[in-house]
């Protein structure tokens, strides 16, 4: 019997951090930190210039917030997300995807519960949400979102683009087939709304797993496999207003419902309303690290707002 490379155990990997803050500190040598004042309108163009993780630490319109992007653009940063080398990345990922789903570890609380805002206090326009291109009618969110299959209980994750059109309202565009299958199940059950959680600021392995589109929803959801590809347990905490669980080490979570009754023709978008916003208190410890910077990234540019779509987790 012959074994392919993906069947053979890859070389041992480095232990991975449970939080985005930890990941950025551990991998400071590939992180660009922009400490000079940057306007929200320039963040999209600046991010587009970067091939490696970039953190904006001084946002003029959103003092006290930081914003991170471009976590898995290159093979080097993808390999760092799994704690391996660029040469062993594909082999490591393929091998781990063949392993059984590790599942999720439910805990009572975690860092994401340090600050909780409910109902009218929850306003996601307070977050540093950038415009991604000139034609965006509203700030555009590409954070990971989680929905649950009502039949299997599996957790599906993706990065459905969402325009933040109000303090507790957004227009979301689902393009992944699994998301549409799950929404159809809710409709078939006679339900007009589907619970959803937007998750900002998690280690980049979550993004890699959310992008997996192979046939798997009969055996596991993407979230159940995050711990498998990270080779560590993933702790989850209950939502405040939904029967969903979310990563305990996330920076910010926004809870809401997708309106399944009204669909708009332009983007096949769904109206989303929100009930809770929570995240770590500002100032939760993370040491600053020096990082290499490209000269053109250290100055606020005079550039158009345009960049490829990519997750933009916010760190408070």
C-alpha atoms as a PDB file:
ATOM      1  CA  UNK A   1       0.000   0.000   0.000  1.00  0.00           C
ATOM      2  CA  UNK A   2       1.330   3.425  -0.953  1.00  0.00           C
ATOM      3  CA  UNK A   3       0.891   6.501   1.226  1.00  0.00           C
ATOM      4  CA  UNK A   4       0.711  10.023  -0.100  1.00  0.00           C
ATOM      5  CA  UNK A   5       2.590  12.817   1.620  1.00  0.00           C
ATOM      6  CA  UNK A   6      -0.642  14.091   3.215  1.00  0.00           C
ATOM      7  CA  UNK A   7      -1.134  10.724   4.958  1.00  0.00           C
ATOM      8  CA  UNK A   8       2.254  10.845   6.661  1.00  0.00           C
ATOM      9  CA  UNK A   9       2.599  12.773   9.927  1.00  0.00           C
ATOM     10  CA  UNK A  10       4.354  16.094   9.264  1.00  0.00           C
ATOM     11  CA  UNK A  11       7.281  17.308  11.349  1.00  0.00           C
ATOM     12  CA  UNK A  12       6.382  18.532  14.853  1.00  0.00           C
ATOM     13  CA  UNK A  13       5.051  22.096  14.973  1.00  0.00           C
ATOM     14  CA  UNK A  14       5.326  24.899  17.496  1.00  0.00           C
ATOM     15  CA  UNK A  15       2.523  25.305  20.073  1.00  0.00           C
ATOM     16  CA  UNK A  16       0.037  27.907  18.879  1.00  0.00           C
ATOM     17  CA  UNK A  17      -1.320  30.881  20.820  1.00  0.00           C
ATOM     18  CA  UNK A  18      -4.958  30.869  21.851  1.00  0.00           C
ATOM     19  CA  UNK A  19      -5.512  34.552  21.083  1.00  0.00           C
ATOM     20  CA  UNK A  20      -4.765  36.988  18.282  1.00  0.00           C
ATOM     21  CA  UNK A  21      -2.810  39.129  20.729  1.00  0.00           C
ATOM     22  CA  UNK A  22      -0.597  36.183  21.557  1.00  0.00           C
ATOM     23  CA  UNK A  23      -0.136  35.337  17.879  1.00  0.00           C
ATOM     24  CA  UNK A  24       0.939  38.899  17.037  1.00  0.00           C
ATOM     25  CA  UNK A  25       3.425  38.921  19.912  1.00  0.00           C
ATOM     26  CA  UNK A  26       4.880  35.521  19.046  1.00  0.00           C
ATOM     27  CA  UNK A  27       5.225  36.445  15.369  1.00  0.00           C
ATOM     28  CA  UNK A  28       6.363  40.027  15.870  1.00  0.00           C
ATOM     29  CA  UNK A  29       9.104  39.569  13.265  1.00  0.00           C
ATOM     30  CA  UNK A  30       6.542  39.441  10.443  1.00  0.00           C
ATOM     31  CA  UNK A  31       4.092  42.022  11.845  1.00  0.00           C
ATOM     32  CA  UNK A  32       4.108  45.600  10.573  1.00  0.00           C
ATOM     33  CA  UNK A  33       3.003  48.024  13.281  1.00  0.00           C
ATOM     34  CA  UNK A  34       1.889  51.474  12.174  1.00  0.00           C
ATOM     35  CA  UNK A  35       2.175  53.763  15.193  1.00  0.00           C
ATOM     36  CA  UNK A  36       1.734  57.130  13.455  1.00  0.00           C
ATOM     37  CA  UNK A  37      -1.798  58.594  13.261  1.00  0.00           C
ATOM     38  CA  UNK A  38      -3.827  57.064  10.409  1.00  0.00           C
ATOM     39  CA  UNK A  39      -7.302  58.081   9.255  1.00  0.00           C
ATOM     40  CA  UNK A  40      -9.973  55.431   8.731  1.00  0.00           C
ATOM     41  CA  UNK A  41     -10.234  56.457   5.062  1.00  0.00           C
ATOM     42  CA  UNK A  42      -6.578  55.460   4.510  1.00  0.00           C
ATOM     43  CA  UNK A  43      -6.580  52.067   6.207  1.00  0.00           C
ATOM     44  CA  UNK A  44      -7.858  50.151   3.173  1.00  0.00           C
ATOM     45  CA  UNK A  45      -5.170  51.519   0.872  1.00  0.00           C
ATOM     46  CA  UNK A  46      -2.444  50.970   3.455  1.00  0.00           C
ATOM     47  CA  UNK A  47      -3.500  47.374   4.060  1.00  0.00           C
ATOM     48  CA  UNK A  48      -3.461  46.701   0.324  1.00  0.00           C
ATOM     49  CA  UNK A  49       0.252  47.555   0.252  1.00  0.00           C
ATOM     50  CA  UNK A  50       1.131  44.976   2.889  1.00  0.00           C
ATOM     51  CA  UNK A  51       1.986  41.326   2.262  1.00  0.00           C
ATOM     52  CA  UNK A  52       2.243  40.525   5.940  1.00  0.00           C
ATOM     53  CA  UNK A  53       0.114  41.099   9.064  1.00  0.00           C
ATOM     54  CA  UNK A  54      -0.364  44.778   9.746  1.00  0.00           C
ATOM     55  CA  UNK A  55      -1.599  46.499  12.908  1.00  0.00           C
ATOM     56  CA  UNK A  56      -2.792  50.112  13.038  1.00  0.00           C
ATOM     57  CA  UNK A  57      -2.225  51.341  16.578  1.00  0.00           C
ATOM     58  CA  UNK A  58      -3.237  54.998  16.299  1.00  0.00           C
ATOM     59  CA  UNK A  59      -6.532  55.464  14.453  1.00  0.00           C
ATOM     60  CA  UNK A  60      -7.495  59.143  14.410  1.00  0.00           C
ATOM     61  CA  UNK A  61     -11.277  58.656  14.430  1.00  0.00           C
ATOM     62  CA  UNK A  62     -11.250  55.691  16.834  1.00  0.00           C
ATOM     63  CA  UNK A  63      -8.891  56.465  19.729  1.00  0.00           C
ATOM     64  CA  UNK A  64      -8.244  53.507  22.002  1.00  0.00           C
ATOM     65  CA  UNK A  65      -8.803  50.936  19.258  1.00  0.00           C
ATOM     66  CA  UNK A  66      -6.321  49.029  17.147  1.00  0.00           C
ATOM     67  CA  UNK A  67      -7.071  47.254  13.892  1.00  0.00           C
ATOM     68  CA  UNK A  68      -5.315  44.236  12.372  1.00  0.00           C
ATOM     69  CA  UNK A  69      -5.453  42.815   8.848  1.00  0.00           C
ATOM     70  CA  UNK A  70      -3.649  40.708   6.186  1.00  0.00           C
ATOM     71  CA  UNK A  71      -3.083  37.686   8.416  1.00  0.00           C
ATOM     72  CA  UNK A  72      -2.776  34.892   5.826  1.00  0.00           C
ATOM     73  CA  UNK A  73      -1.900  36.532   2.509  1.00  0.00           C
ATOM     74  CA  UNK A  74       1.411  34.740   1.903  1.00  0.00           C
ATOM     75  CA  UNK A  75       2.627  31.173   2.363  1.00  0.00           C
ATOM     76  CA  UNK A  76       4.939  32.369   5.143  1.00  0.00           C
ATOM     77  CA  UNK A  77       2.111  33.868   7.195  1.00  0.00           C
ATOM     78  CA  UNK A  78      -0.125  30.875   6.448  1.00  0.00           C
ATOM     79  CA  UNK A  79       2.595  28.600   7.795  1.00  0.00           C
ATOM     80  CA  UNK A  80       2.956  30.715  10.929  1.00  0.00           C
ATOM     81  CA  UNK A  81      -0.786  30.278  11.505  1.00  0.00           C
ATOM     82  CA  UNK A  82      -0.207  26.529  11.896  1.00  0.00           C
ATOM     83  CA  UNK A  83       3.183  26.801  13.605  1.00  0.00           C
ATOM     84  CA  UNK A  84       5.097  25.197  10.761  1.00  0.00           C
ATOM     85  CA  UNK A  85       7.450  26.172   7.932  1.00  0.00           C
ATOM     86  CA  UNK A  86       6.369  27.347   4.478  1.00  0.00           C
ATOM     87  CA  UNK A  87       7.836  24.147   3.016  1.00  0.00           C
ATOM     88  CA  UNK A  88       5.729  21.953   5.328  1.00  0.00           C
ATOM     89  CA  UNK A  89       2.554  24.055   5.337  1.00  0.00           C
ATOM     90  CA  UNK A  90       0.494  22.198   2.727  1.00  0.00           C
ATOM     91  CA  UNK A  91       1.573  18.821   4.042  1.00  0.00           C
ATOM     92  CA  UNK A  92       0.687  19.837   7.606  1.00  0.00           C
ATOM     93  CA  UNK A  93      -2.701  21.273   6.628  1.00  0.00           C
ATOM     94  CA  UNK A  94      -3.600  18.273   4.453  1.00  0.00           C
ATOM     95  CA  UNK A  95      -2.631  15.836   7.186  1.00  0.00           C
ATOM     96  CA  UNK A  96      -4.610  17.618   9.868  1.00  0.00           C
ATOM     97  CA  UNK A  97      -7.676  17.925   7.666  1.00  0.00           C
ATOM     98  CA  UNK A  98      -7.692  14.143   7.449  1.00  0.00           C
ATOM     99  CA  UNK A  99      -7.908  13.811  11.224  1.00  0.00           C
ATOM    100  CA  UNK A 100     -11.195  13.534  13.166  1.00  0.00           C
ATOM    101  CA  UNK A 101     -12.782  16.787  14.266  1.00  0.00           C
ATOM    102  CA  UNK A 102     -11.391  17.812  17.644  1.00  0.00           C
ATOM    103  CA  UNK A 103     -14.603  19.552  18.585  1.00  0.00           C
ATOM    104  CA  UNK A 104     -15.012  22.463  20.964  1.00  0.00           C
ATOM    105  CA  UNK A 105     -14.455  22.862  24.702  1.00  0.00           C
ATOM    106  CA  UNK A 106     -17.297  24.755  26.371  1.00  0.00           C
ATOM    107  CA  UNK A 107     -16.309  26.943  29.332  1.00  0.00           C
ATOM    108  CA  UNK A 108     -18.375  29.307  31.475  1.00  0.00           C
ATOM    109  CA  UNK A 109     -16.478  32.503  30.752  1.00  0.00           C
ATOM    110  CA  UNK A 110     -13.378  33.955  29.129  1.00  0.00           C
ATOM    111  CA  UNK A 111     -11.570  37.193  28.200  1.00  0.00           C
ATOM    112  CA  UNK A 112     -14.227  38.104  25.628  1.00  0.00           C
ATOM    113  CA  UNK A 113     -16.702  38.527  28.517  1.00  0.00           C
ATOM    114  CA  UNK A 114     -14.724  41.300  30.207  1.00  0.00           C
ATOM    115  CA  UNK A 115     -17.026  43.959  28.727  1.00  0.00           C
ATOM    116  CA  UNK A 116     -20.662  43.316  27.806  1.00  0.00           C
ATOM    117  CA  UNK A 117     -23.033  45.790  26.133  1.00  0.00           C
ATOM    118  CA  UNK A 118     -26.639  44.751  25.588  1.00  0.00           C
ATOM    119  CA  UNK A 119     -29.509  45.994  23.441  1.00  0.00           C
ATOM    120  CA  UNK A 120     -29.437  49.802  22.931  1.00  0.00           C
ATOM    121  CA  UNK A 121     -25.915  50.016  24.366  1.00  0.00           C
ATOM    122  CA  UNK A 122     -24.645  47.723  21.616  1.00  0.00           C
ATOM    123  CA  UNK A 123     -23.478  49.908  18.731  1.00  0.00           C
ATOM    124  CA  UNK A 124     -21.080  48.340  16.282  1.00  0.00           C
ATOM    125  CA  UNK A 125     -20.507  51.623  14.461  1.00  0.00           C
ATOM    126  CA  UNK A 126     -18.269  52.442  17.434  1.00  0.00           C
ATOM    127  CA  UNK A 127     -15.798  49.872  16.083  1.00  0.00           C
ATOM    128  CA  UNK A 128     -13.033  50.816  13.606  1.00  0.00           C
ATOM    129  CA  UNK A 129     -14.742  49.451  10.494  1.00  0.00           C
ATOM    130  CA  UNK A 130     -13.020  50.599   7.271  1.00  0.00           C
ATOM    131  CA  UNK A 131     -14.298  51.250   3.777  1.00  0.00           C
ATOM    132  CA  UNK A 132     -12.738  48.699   1.429  1.00  0.00           C
ATOM    133  CA  UNK A 133     -13.364  50.468  -1.867  1.00  0.00           C
ATOM    134  CA  UNK A 134     -14.651  53.762  -3.178  1.00  0.00           C
ATOM    135  CA  UNK A 135     -18.099  52.422  -4.048  1.00  0.00           C
ATOM    136  CA  UNK A 136     -18.838  51.063  -0.576  1.00  0.00           C
ATOM    137  CA  UNK A 137     -22.019  52.745   0.618  1.00  0.00           C
ATOM    138  CA  UNK A 138     -21.180  52.018   4.248  1.00  0.00           C
ATOM    139  CA  UNK A 139     -18.288  50.649   6.327  1.00  0.00           C
ATOM    140  CA  UNK A 140     -17.656  47.045   5.312  1.00  0.00           C
ATOM    141  CA  UNK A 141     -17.121  44.209   7.791  1.00  0.00           C
ATOM    142  CA  UNK A 142     -15.357  40.979   6.812  1.00  0.00           C
ATOM    143  CA  UNK A 143     -14.975  39.479  10.274  1.00  0.00           C
ATOM    144  CA  UNK A 144     -15.647  35.780  10.805  1.00  0.00           C
ATOM    145  CA  UNK A 145     -19.262  34.922  11.450  1.00  0.00           C
ATOM    146  CA  UNK A 146     -20.703  31.779  12.989  1.00  0.00           C
ATOM    147  CA  UNK A 147     -24.043  30.112  12.324  1.00  0.00           C
ATOM    148  CA  UNK A 148     -25.234  26.697  13.477  1.00  0.00           C
ATOM    149  CA  UNK A 149     -26.924  23.961  11.482  1.00  0.00           C
ATOM    150  CA  UNK A 150     -30.276  23.451  13.279  1.00  0.00           C
ATOM    151  CA  UNK A 151     -30.355  19.744  12.372  1.00  0.00           C
ATOM    152  CA  UNK A 152     -26.793  18.578  13.068  1.00  0.00           C
ATOM    153  CA  UNK A 153     -25.705  21.259  15.539  1.00  0.00           C
ATOM    154  CA  UNK A 154     -22.475  21.761  13.570  1.00  0.00           C
ATOM    155  CA  UNK A 155     -20.993  25.260  13.514  1.00  0.00           C
ATOM    156  CA  UNK A 156     -20.417  26.829  10.117  1.00  0.00           C
ATOM    157  CA  UNK A 157     -18.008  29.752   9.838  1.00  0.00           C
ATOM    158  CA  UNK A 158     -17.279  32.091   6.959  1.00  0.00           C
ATOM    159  CA  UNK A 159     -16.439  35.716   6.261  1.00  0.00           C
ATOM    160  CA  UNK A 160     -19.670  36.987   4.718  1.00  0.00           C
ATOM    161  CA  UNK A 161     -19.190  40.655   3.838  1.00  0.00           C
ATOM    162  CA  UNK A 162     -21.510  42.943   5.776  1.00  0.00           C
ATOM    163  CA  UNK A 163     -22.205  46.656   5.401  1.00  0.00           C
ATOM    164  CA  UNK A 164     -22.733  48.294   8.785  1.00  0.00           C
ATOM    165  CA  UNK A 165     -25.695  50.542   7.940  1.00  0.00           C
ATOM    166  CA  UNK A 166     -26.690  51.456  11.485  1.00  0.00           C
ATOM    167  CA  UNK A 167     -25.787  50.988  15.142  1.00  0.00           C
ATOM    168  CA  UNK A 168     -27.593  47.642  15.260  1.00  0.00           C
ATOM    169  CA  UNK A 169     -28.199  46.858  11.605  1.00  0.00           C
ATOM    170  CA  UNK A 170     -26.215  45.460   8.709  1.00  0.00           C
ATOM    171  CA  UNK A 171     -26.641  44.099   5.194  1.00  0.00           C
ATOM    172  CA  UNK A 172     -24.875  40.754   4.856  1.00  0.00           C
ATOM    173  CA  UNK A 173     -24.025  38.896   1.655  1.00  0.00           C
ATOM    174  CA  UNK A 174     -23.677  35.113   1.987  1.00  0.00           C
ATOM    175  CA  UNK A 175     -21.901  33.418  -0.922  1.00  0.00           C
ATOM    176  CA  UNK A 176     -20.902  30.056   0.562  1.00  0.00           C
ATOM    177  CA  UNK A 177     -23.243  27.152  -0.289  1.00  0.00           C
ATOM    178  CA  UNK A 178     -23.195  25.804   3.270  1.00  0.00           C
ATOM    179  CA  UNK A 179     -24.595  29.076   4.600  1.00  0.00           C
ATOM    180  CA  UNK A 180     -27.493  28.961   2.147  1.00  0.00           C
ATOM    181  CA  UNK A 181     -28.225  25.325   3.023  1.00  0.00           C
ATOM    182  CA  UNK A 182     -28.384  26.240   6.711  1.00  0.00           C
ATOM    183  CA  UNK A 183     -30.623  29.250   6.065  1.00  0.00           C
ATOM    184  CA  UNK A 184     -32.949  27.050   4.035  1.00  0.00           C
ATOM    185  CA  UNK A 185     -33.233  24.672   6.980  1.00  0.00           C
ATOM    186  CA  UNK A 186     -34.329  27.513   9.249  1.00  0.00           C
ATOM    187  CA  UNK A 187     -36.946  28.577   6.702  1.00  0.00           C
ATOM    188  CA  UNK A 188     -38.192  25.006   6.332  1.00  0.00           C
ATOM    189  CA  UNK A 189     -38.668  24.952  10.102  1.00  0.00           C
ATOM    190  CA  UNK A 190     -40.962  27.962   9.742  1.00  0.00           C
ATOM    191  CA  UNK A 191     -38.485  30.380  11.329  1.00  0.00           C
ATOM    192  CA  UNK A 192     -38.051  33.960  10.141  1.00  0.00           C
ATOM    193  CA  UNK A 193     -34.702  34.631  11.821  1.00  0.00           C
ATOM    194  CA  UNK A 194     -31.376  32.823  12.144  1.00  0.00           C
ATOM    195  CA  UNK A 195     -28.940  33.426  15.039  1.00  0.00           C
ATOM    196  CA  UNK A 196     -25.529  34.712  13.980  1.00  0.00           C
ATOM    197  CA  UNK A 197     -22.381  35.786  15.820  1.00  0.00           C
ATOM    198  CA  UNK A 198     -19.738  38.044  14.280  1.00  0.00           C
ATOM    199  CA  UNK A 199     -16.311  37.286  15.736  1.00  0.00           C
ATOM    200  CA  UNK A 200     -13.536  39.887  15.556  1.00  0.00           C
ATOM    201  CA  UNK A 201      -9.930  39.153  16.430  1.00  0.00           C
ATOM    202  CA  UNK A 202      -9.037  35.460  16.546  1.00  0.00           C
ATOM    203  CA  UNK A 203      -5.827  33.663  15.508  1.00  0.00           C
ATOM    204  CA  UNK A 204      -5.421  33.298  11.723  1.00  0.00           C
ATOM    205  CA  UNK A 205      -5.993  29.522  11.731  1.00  0.00           C
ATOM    206  CA  UNK A 206      -9.693  30.325  12.195  1.00  0.00           C
ATOM    207  CA  UNK A 207      -9.650  32.150   8.860  1.00  0.00           C
ATOM    208  CA  UNK A 208      -7.907  29.274   7.097  1.00  0.00           C
ATOM    209  CA  UNK A 209     -10.540  26.850   8.350  1.00  0.00           C
ATOM    210  CA  UNK A 210     -13.427  29.202   7.531  1.00  0.00           C
ATOM    211  CA  UNK A 211     -12.259  29.226   3.910  1.00  0.00           C
ATOM    212  CA  UNK A 212     -12.461  25.425   3.621  1.00  0.00           C
ATOM    213  CA  UNK A 213     -15.198  24.583   1.123  1.00  0.00           C
ATOM    214  CA  UNK A 214     -14.890  20.821   0.671  1.00  0.00           C
ATOM    215  CA  UNK A 215     -17.756  18.424   1.366  1.00  0.00           C
ATOM    216  CA  UNK A 216     -17.869  18.082   5.119  1.00  0.00           C
ATOM    217  CA  UNK A 217     -21.082  19.402   6.655  1.00  0.00           C
ATOM    218  CA  UNK A 218     -22.396  15.839   7.080  1.00  0.00           C
ATOM    219  CA  UNK A 219     -19.517  15.105   9.473  1.00  0.00           C
ATOM    220  CA  UNK A 220     -18.402  18.405  11.011  1.00  0.00           C
ATOM    221  CA  UNK A 221     -18.557  22.175  10.684  1.00  0.00           C
ATOM    222  CA  UNK A 222     -15.577  24.437  10.154  1.00  0.00           C
ATOM    223  CA  UNK A 223     -15.495  25.520  13.805  1.00  0.00           C
ATOM    224  CA  UNK A 224     -15.261  21.924  15.022  1.00  0.00           C
ATOM    225  CA  UNK A 225     -12.072  21.567  12.966  1.00  0.00           C
ATOM    226  CA  UNK A 226     -10.267  24.727  14.106  1.00  0.00           C
ATOM    227  CA  UNK A 227      -8.757  22.891  17.067  1.00  0.00           C
ATOM    228  CA  UNK A 228      -7.752  20.042  14.748  1.00  0.00           C
ATOM    229  CA  UNK A 229      -5.676  22.207  12.421  1.00  0.00           C
ATOM    230  CA  UNK A 230      -4.278  24.185  15.395  1.00  0.00           C
ATOM    231  CA  UNK A 231      -3.555  20.961  17.312  1.00  0.00           C
ATOM    232  CA  UNK A 232      -5.022  22.394  20.511  1.00  0.00           C
ATOM    233  CA  UNK A 233      -8.348  22.732  22.316  1.00  0.00           C
ATOM    234  CA  UNK A 234     -10.594  25.652  21.379  1.00  0.00           C
ATOM    235  CA  UNK A 235     -12.504  27.110  24.316  1.00  0.00           C
ATOM    236  CA  UNK A 236     -15.968  28.472  23.630  1.00  0.00           C
ATOM    237  CA  UNK A 237     -18.293  30.510  25.846  1.00  0.00           C
ATOM    238  CA  UNK A 238     -22.094  30.881  25.633  1.00  0.00           C
ATOM    239  CA  UNK A 239     -23.469  33.969  23.935  1.00  0.00           C
ATOM    240  CA  UNK A 240     -25.392  36.516  25.977  1.00  0.00           C
ATOM    241  CA  UNK A 241     -28.573  36.563  23.884  1.00  0.00           C
ATOM    242  CA  UNK A 242     -28.282  33.568  21.530  1.00  0.00           C
ATOM    243  CA  UNK A 243     -28.094  29.809  21.846  1.00  0.00           C
ATOM    244  CA  UNK A 244     -24.652  29.842  20.266  1.00  0.00           C
ATOM    245  CA  UNK A 245     -21.137  29.453  21.604  1.00  0.00           C
ATOM    246  CA  UNK A 246     -18.266  31.715  20.526  1.00  0.00           C
ATOM    247  CA  UNK A 247     -14.459  31.700  20.985  1.00  0.00           C
ATOM    248  CA  UNK A 248     -13.571  32.646  24.563  1.00  0.00           C
ATOM    249  CA  UNK A 249     -10.365  34.414  23.443  1.00  0.00           C
ATOM    250  CA  UNK A 250     -11.974  36.532  20.710  1.00  0.00           C
ATOM    251  CA  UNK A 251     -11.444  40.282  20.881  1.00  0.00           C
ATOM    252  CA  UNK A 252     -15.040  41.263  20.132  1.00  0.00           C
ATOM    253  CA  UNK A 253     -18.255  39.360  19.452  1.00  0.00           C
ATOM    254  CA  UNK A 254     -21.436  40.858  18.022  1.00  0.00           C
ATOM    255  CA  UNK A 255     -24.608  38.809  18.409  1.00  0.00           C
ATOM    256  CA  UNK A 256     -27.671  39.141  16.231  1.00  0.00           C
ATOM    257  CA  UNK A 257     -30.228  37.546  13.939  1.00  0.00           C
ATOM    258  CA  UNK A 258     -30.403  37.311  10.171  1.00  0.00           C
ATOM    259  CA  UNK A 259     -33.825  38.333   8.891  1.00  0.00           C
ATOM    260  CA  UNK A 260     -34.852  35.466   6.598  1.00  0.00           C
ATOM    261  CA  UNK A 261     -38.042  37.119   5.365  1.00  0.00           C
ATOM    262  CA  UNK A 262     -36.652  40.097   3.457  1.00  0.00           C
ATOM    263  CA  UNK A 263     -34.059  39.557   0.763  1.00  0.00           C
ATOM    264  CA  UNK A 264     -32.652  42.360  -1.378  1.00  0.00           C
ATOM    265  CA  UNK A 265     -31.942  41.867  -5.052  1.00  0.00           C
ATOM    266  CA  UNK A 266     -28.708  43.832  -5.383  1.00  0.00           C
ATOM    267  CA  UNK A 267     -26.384  41.807  -3.148  1.00  0.00           C
ATOM    268  CA  UNK A 268     -28.688  38.924  -2.202  1.00  0.00           C
ATOM    269  CA  UNK A 269     -28.164  40.493   1.198  1.00  0.00           C
ATOM    270  CA  UNK A 270     -30.011  39.790   4.412  1.00  0.00           C
ATOM    271  CA  UNK A 271     -30.965  42.306   7.048  1.00  0.00           C
ATOM    272  CA  UNK A 272     -29.160  41.661  10.345  1.00  0.00           C
ATOM    273  CA  UNK A 273     -30.162  43.119  13.699  1.00  0.00           C
ATOM    274  CA  UNK A 274     -27.964  42.990  16.795  1.00  0.00           C
ATOM    275  CA  UNK A 275     -28.587  42.553  20.484  1.00  0.00           C
ATOM    276  CA  UNK A 276     -25.206  42.319  22.166  1.00  0.00           C
ATOM    277  CA  UNK A 277     -21.651  43.496  21.671  1.00  0.00           C
ATOM    278  CA  UNK A 278     -18.870  42.432  23.944  1.00  0.00           C
ATOM    279  CA  UNK A 279     -15.109  42.311  24.054  1.00  0.00           C
ATOM    280  CA  UNK A 280     -12.028  42.660  26.244  1.00  0.00           C
ATOM    281  CA  UNK A 281     -11.609  45.898  28.121  1.00  0.00           C
ATOM    282  CA  UNK A 282      -9.332  48.420  26.458  1.00  0.00           C
ATOM    283  CA  UNK A 283      -5.853  48.077  27.848  1.00  0.00           C
ATOM    284  CA  UNK A 284      -6.012  44.324  28.409  1.00  0.00           C
ATOM    285  CA  UNK A 285      -2.341  43.558  28.442  1.00  0.00           C
ATOM    286  CA  UNK A 286      -0.269  43.066  25.360  1.00  0.00           C
ATOM    287  CA  UNK A 287       3.302  44.213  25.128  1.00  0.00           C
ATOM    288  CA  UNK A 288       4.337  46.240  22.124  1.00  0.00           C
ATOM    289  CA  UNK A 289       7.038  44.753  19.941  1.00  0.00           C
ATOM    290  CA  UNK A 290       9.299  46.346  17.373  1.00  0.00           C
ATOM    291  CA  UNK A 291       8.648  45.176  13.840  1.00  0.00           C
ATOM    292  CA  UNK A 292      10.024  45.859  10.402  1.00  0.00           C
ATOM    293  CA  UNK A 293       8.146  48.553   8.527  1.00  0.00           C
ATOM    294  CA  UNK A 294       8.114  49.451   4.864  1.00  0.00           C
ATOM    295  CA  UNK A 295       8.899  53.152   4.456  1.00  0.00           C
ATOM    296  CA  UNK A 296       5.729  53.888   2.486  1.00  0.00           C
ATOM    297  CA  UNK A 297       3.594  52.325   5.228  1.00  0.00           C
ATOM    298  CA  UNK A 298       4.935  54.618   7.942  1.00  0.00           C
ATOM    299  CA  UNK A 299       3.390  57.774   6.485  1.00  0.00           C
ATOM    300  CA  UNK A 300      -0.332  58.522   6.047  1.00  0.00           C
ATOM    301  CA  UNK A 301      -0.765  58.198   2.278  1.00  0.00           C
ATOM    302  CA  UNK A 302      -2.763  60.116  -0.262  1.00  0.00           C
ATOM    303  CA  UNK A 303      -4.276  57.052  -1.887  1.00  0.00           C
ATOM    304  CA  UNK A 304      -7.759  55.949  -2.964  1.00  0.00           C
ATOM    305  CA  UNK A 305      -9.751  53.639  -0.724  1.00  0.00           C
ATOM    306  CA  UNK A 306      -9.311  50.343  -2.490  1.00  0.00           C
ATOM    307  CA  UNK A 307      -8.051  46.948  -1.425  1.00  0.00           C
ATOM    308  CA  UNK A 308      -8.848  43.282  -1.858  1.00  0.00           C
ATOM    309  CA  UNK A 309     -11.481  41.947   0.523  1.00  0.00           C
ATOM    310  CA  UNK A 310      -9.893  40.515   3.668  1.00  0.00           C
ATOM    311  CA  UNK A 311     -10.827  40.086   7.323  1.00  0.00           C
ATOM    312  CA  UNK A 312     -10.356  43.134   9.508  1.00  0.00           C
ATOM    313  CA  UNK A 313     -10.498  42.069  13.146  1.00  0.00           C
ATOM    314  CA  UNK A 314     -10.566  44.932  15.613  1.00  0.00           C
ATOM    315  CA  UNK A 315      -8.593  44.893  18.823  1.00  0.00           C
ATOM    316  CA  UNK A 316      -9.878  47.096  21.622  1.00  0.00           C
END
